[in-house]
Amino acid sequence: MLFNSVIVKSQLFINLVLALIILNSIFSFNCQASQSVDRSIIFYPQQTIQIDRHQRNILVDTDFKTSFQLRIGQTAIIKSESFELKFLNVVKDSRCPKELNCFESGQIEIAVEIIVKDRSYGNLQIIHNASHKNSETIKVDNYLIKFVKAEPYPQNTLRIKASDYVITLMVSYIG
């Protein structure tokens, strides 16, 4: 008798879980179907940012030898060359906070993804040494990518959130 009661309770539990899964999938489908693609354009003096809220992509239109800023997840595009550079993340930030006197000034390392004419160069790291007055530059194909600066600069013991990072880069064509 006890054994039959356990089986009945188990079957009820399984049916309840299946019903919840079905309801969840129906609800999720209805939510996705009702969303519309919302695109807006924001103009800045030297760059145009196109926001696609449905896909969560932010595209920054730029040109050669024009500095541009990106946040994590944003992509810079030079349409005339089919060049794309996406800021993936900050790998390491060991820059010495402003208020401290450190033995070394430290560095920041970022990961970017570069695509040129539908050819992916994969994830690349660019390191910027905080003590260098000259920016770090890497060469990819016929392009130089110059790491101009990264903001915000660390302060004392405050931790910088990934969403707060803004990098400034510049791309040059070297033929």
Foldseek 3Di string as FASTA:
>chain_A
DVVVVVVVVVVVVVVVVVVVVVVVVVVVVVVVVPDDFDWDWDDDPAWIWIATPVVREIEIEHDAPDKDKDAARYWYADPVFRKIKHFHFWPDFPADAPVDDDPARTKTKTWMWIATPNRTPGIDIWIFGPPDPAFTWDDDDQKIKTFNDKDDGDHDPDDDDSRRIMTMIGMHGRD
